[in-house]
Amino acid sequence: MTIAPLMTRLTSLATLTVPLGGQQIELQEIDYETGGIPLLRVRIREGRRFTVFDIDPGTARAWSEAMRAWAARQADATPPGY
């Protein structure tokens, strides 16, 4: 008996490089062929080390709102060119 592998489709959404540390951040959408909710994969590369989070839409929304609020409070502290 042959068992078909579970297939996923990864779609790159954005790639960012942190100017002060050089870390590379990639955001990918994960769609599973078998159904279920799509997830957001956050891949952070620091040299040879990778940190990967697969998060659901609700967590992504809360995270993005927290980051947006923090960034808005820091608007005056951001050096020109960033």
C-alpha atoms as a PDB file:
ATOM      1  CA  MET A   1       0.000   0.000   0.000  1.00  0.00           C
ATOM      2  CA  THR A   2       1.299   3.454  -0.924  1.00  0.00           C
ATOM      3  CA  ILE A   3       0.527   6.400   1.310  1.00  0.00           C
ATOM      4  CA  ALA A   4       0.480   9.785  -0.389  1.00  0.00           C
ATOM      5  CA  PRO A   5       2.571  12.412   1.399  1.00  0.00           C
ATOM      6  CA  LEU A   6       0.793  15.402   2.902  1.00  0.00           C
ATOM      7  CA  MET A   7       1.367  18.308   0.568  1.00  0.00           C
ATOM      8  CA  THR A   8       1.656  21.914   1.553  1.00  0.00           C
ATOM      9  CA  ARG A   9       1.962  25.041  -0.535  1.00  0.00           C
ATOM     10  CA  LEU A  10       4.253  27.796   0.714  1.00  0.00           C
ATOM     11  CA  THR A  11       3.792  31.289  -0.674  1.00  0.00           C
ATOM     12  CA  SER A  12       6.385  33.930   0.128  1.00  0.00           C
ATOM     13  CA  LEU A  13       4.690  37.118   1.353  1.00  0.00           C
ATOM     14  CA  ALA A  14       7.602  39.339   2.396  1.00  0.00           C
ATOM     15  CA  THR A  15      11.312  39.269   3.131  1.00  0.00           C
ATOM     16  CA  LEU A  16      12.870  41.847   5.451  1.00  0.00           C
ATOM     17  CA  THR A  17      16.404  42.491   6.682  1.00  0.00           C
ATOM     18  CA  VAL A  18      16.834  44.086  10.108  1.00  0.00           C
ATOM     19  CA  PRO A  19      19.239  47.007   9.660  1.00  0.00           C
ATOM     20  CA  LEU A  20      20.765  46.895  13.144  1.00  0.00           C
ATOM     21  CA  GLY A  21      21.418  43.148  13.396  1.00  0.00           C
ATOM     22  CA  GLY A  22      21.280  41.832   9.862  1.00  0.00           C
ATOM     23  CA  GLN A  23      18.678  39.177  10.702  1.00  0.00           C
ATOM     24  CA  GLN A  24      16.563  38.092   7.771  1.00  0.00           C
ATOM     25  CA  ILE A  25      12.832  37.737   8.347  1.00  0.00           C
ATOM     26  CA  GLU A  26      10.659  35.902   5.860  1.00  0.00           C
ATOM     27  CA  LEU A  27       6.878  35.655   6.019  1.00  0.00           C
ATOM     28  CA  GLN A  28       5.228  32.742   4.209  1.00  0.00           C
ATOM     29  CA  GLU A  29       1.633  31.577   3.910  1.00  0.00           C
ATOM     30  CA  ILE A  30       1.181  27.848   4.477  1.00  0.00           C
ATOM     31  CA  ASP A  31      -1.778  26.158   2.772  1.00  0.00           C
ATOM     32  CA  TYR A  32      -2.379  22.482   3.462  1.00  0.00           C
ATOM     33  CA  GLU A  33      -3.777  20.349   0.669  1.00  0.00           C
ATOM     34  CA  THR A  34      -5.815  18.410   3.212  1.00  0.00           C
ATOM     35  CA  GLY A  35      -7.621  21.564   4.338  1.00  0.00           C
ATOM     36  CA  GLY A  36      -7.635  23.345   7.639  1.00  0.00           C
ATOM     37  CA  ILE A  37      -6.744  26.915   8.386  1.00  0.00           C
ATOM     38  CA  PRO A  38      -3.872  28.564   6.545  1.00  0.00           C
ATOM     39  CA  LEU A  39      -0.968  29.518   8.780  1.00  0.00           C
ATOM     40  CA  LEU A  40       1.598  32.280   8.692  1.00  0.00           C
ATOM     41  CA  ARG A  41       5.180  31.047   8.902  1.00  0.00           C
ATOM     42  CA  VAL A  42       7.649  33.526  10.356  1.00  0.00           C
ATOM     43  CA  ARG A  43      11.252  32.489   9.627  1.00  0.00           C
ATOM     44  CA  ILE A  44      14.016  34.453  11.305  1.00  0.00           C
ATOM     45  CA  ARG A  45      17.563  33.744  10.188  1.00  0.00           C
ATOM     46  CA  GLU A  46      20.467  34.837  12.365  1.00  0.00           C
ATOM     47  CA  GLY A  47      23.660  33.647  10.690  1.00  0.00           C
ATOM     48  CA  ARG A  48      23.266  29.861  10.436  1.00  0.00           C
ATOM     49  CA  ARG A  49      20.497  29.686  13.034  1.00  0.00           C
ATOM     50  CA  PHE A  50      16.789  29.661  12.118  1.00  0.00           C
ATOM     51  CA  THR A  51      13.808  30.346  14.352  1.00  0.00           C
ATOM     52  CA  VAL A  52      10.454  29.350  12.864  1.00  0.00           C
ATOM     53  CA  PHE A  53       6.954  30.133  14.118  1.00  0.00           C
ATOM     54  CA  ASP A  54       3.785  28.822  12.457  1.00  0.00           C
ATOM     55  CA  ILE A  55       0.932  30.975  13.706  1.00  0.00           C
ATOM     56  CA  ASP A  56      -2.819  31.111  13.188  1.00  0.00           C
ATOM     57  CA  PRO A  57      -4.669  34.186  11.843  1.00  0.00           C
ATOM     58  CA  GLY A  58      -5.841  35.326  15.289  1.00  0.00           C
ATOM     59  CA  THR A  59      -2.337  35.246  16.740  1.00  0.00           C
ATOM     60  CA  ALA A  60      -0.966  37.004  13.630  1.00  0.00           C
ATOM     61  CA  ARG A  61      -3.562  39.756  14.037  1.00  0.00           C
ATOM     62  CA  ALA A  62      -2.785  40.276  17.743  1.00  0.00           C
ATOM     63  CA  TRP A  63       0.981  40.227  17.072  1.00  0.00           C
ATOM     64  CA  SER A  64       0.687  42.725  14.220  1.00  0.00           C
ATOM     65  CA  GLU A  65      -1.479  45.068  16.305  1.00  0.00           C
ATOM     66  CA  ALA A  66       1.035  44.974  19.176  1.00  0.00           C
ATOM     67  CA  MET A  67       3.916  45.674  16.769  1.00  0.00           C
ATOM     68  CA  ARG A  68       2.019  48.488  15.033  1.00  0.00           C
ATOM     69  CA  ALA A  69       1.200  50.146  18.385  1.00  0.00           C
ATOM     70  CA  TRP A  70       4.831  49.883  19.517  1.00  0.00           C
ATOM     71  CA  ALA A  71       6.124  51.292  16.199  1.00  0.00           C
ATOM     72  CA  ALA A  72       3.674  54.213  16.392  1.00  0.00           C
ATOM     73  CA  ARG A  73       4.975  55.103  19.864  1.00  0.00           C
ATOM     74  CA  GLN A  74       8.553  55.013  18.525  1.00  0.00           C
ATOM     75  CA  ALA A  75       7.936  57.231  15.490  1.00  0.00           C
ATOM     76  CA  ASP A  76       9.862  60.164  16.961  1.00  0.00           C
ATOM     77  CA  ALA A  77      12.813  57.938  17.959  1.00  0.00           C
ATOM     78  CA  THR A  78      13.412  56.468  14.491  1.00  0.00           C
ATOM     79  CA  PRO A  79      16.581  57.814  12.818  1.00  0.00           C
ATOM     80  CA  PRO A  80      16.132  59.228   9.290  1.00  0.00           C
ATOM     81  CA  GLY A  81      16.485  56.603   6.564  1.00  0.00           C
ATOM     82  CA  TYR A  82      14.898  53.703   8.487  1.00  0.00           C
END
